[in-house]
Amino acid sequence: MRTVDYVIRYVEDLERAVAFYRDVLGLELRFTDEAYAEFSTGSVKLALFPRERLPDLLGREALAGASPEGEVLFLVDDVDAEAERLRAAGVRILTGPVDRPWGHRTVHLLDADGLVVKLAQEIPRQDRDR
């Protein structure tokens, strides 16, 4: 089963972007930290991620000559099986599968137009301060 869980915008200035979405558009801010902000928007979440942190998330070579604007996250049952299937189909995998502390095992890939797509499988969340 594939379900859209997040739409993530890559932003230049996280504080400025949070202020816009919260104060101008009136979205409810669920939480934020130094590298992430998440808003309640019904069944699909809107998140913001600082562009300066993309090399850590996607890899420097994935970003060479690219300027991605954001990603769409689809929840899947088995991210490893999906990654294997996609590699066999010739899809360009950027990172993963890898466990993330926020409770996802993820794989980042490029779609046919070079846009970032993330597949995520829910896993137990690792303890960390938010």
Foldseek 3Di string as FASTA:
>chain_A
DKDWAEWEFADADVVVVCCCCCVVVNFAWPDDDPAKTWTDDDRHIYMYGYPVCVCVVQNPVLPVVHDAGTEIEIEDADQVVVVVVCVVVVWAWRDDQDDDQQFWRWTWTADPVGHIYIYTYGGDHHDDDD
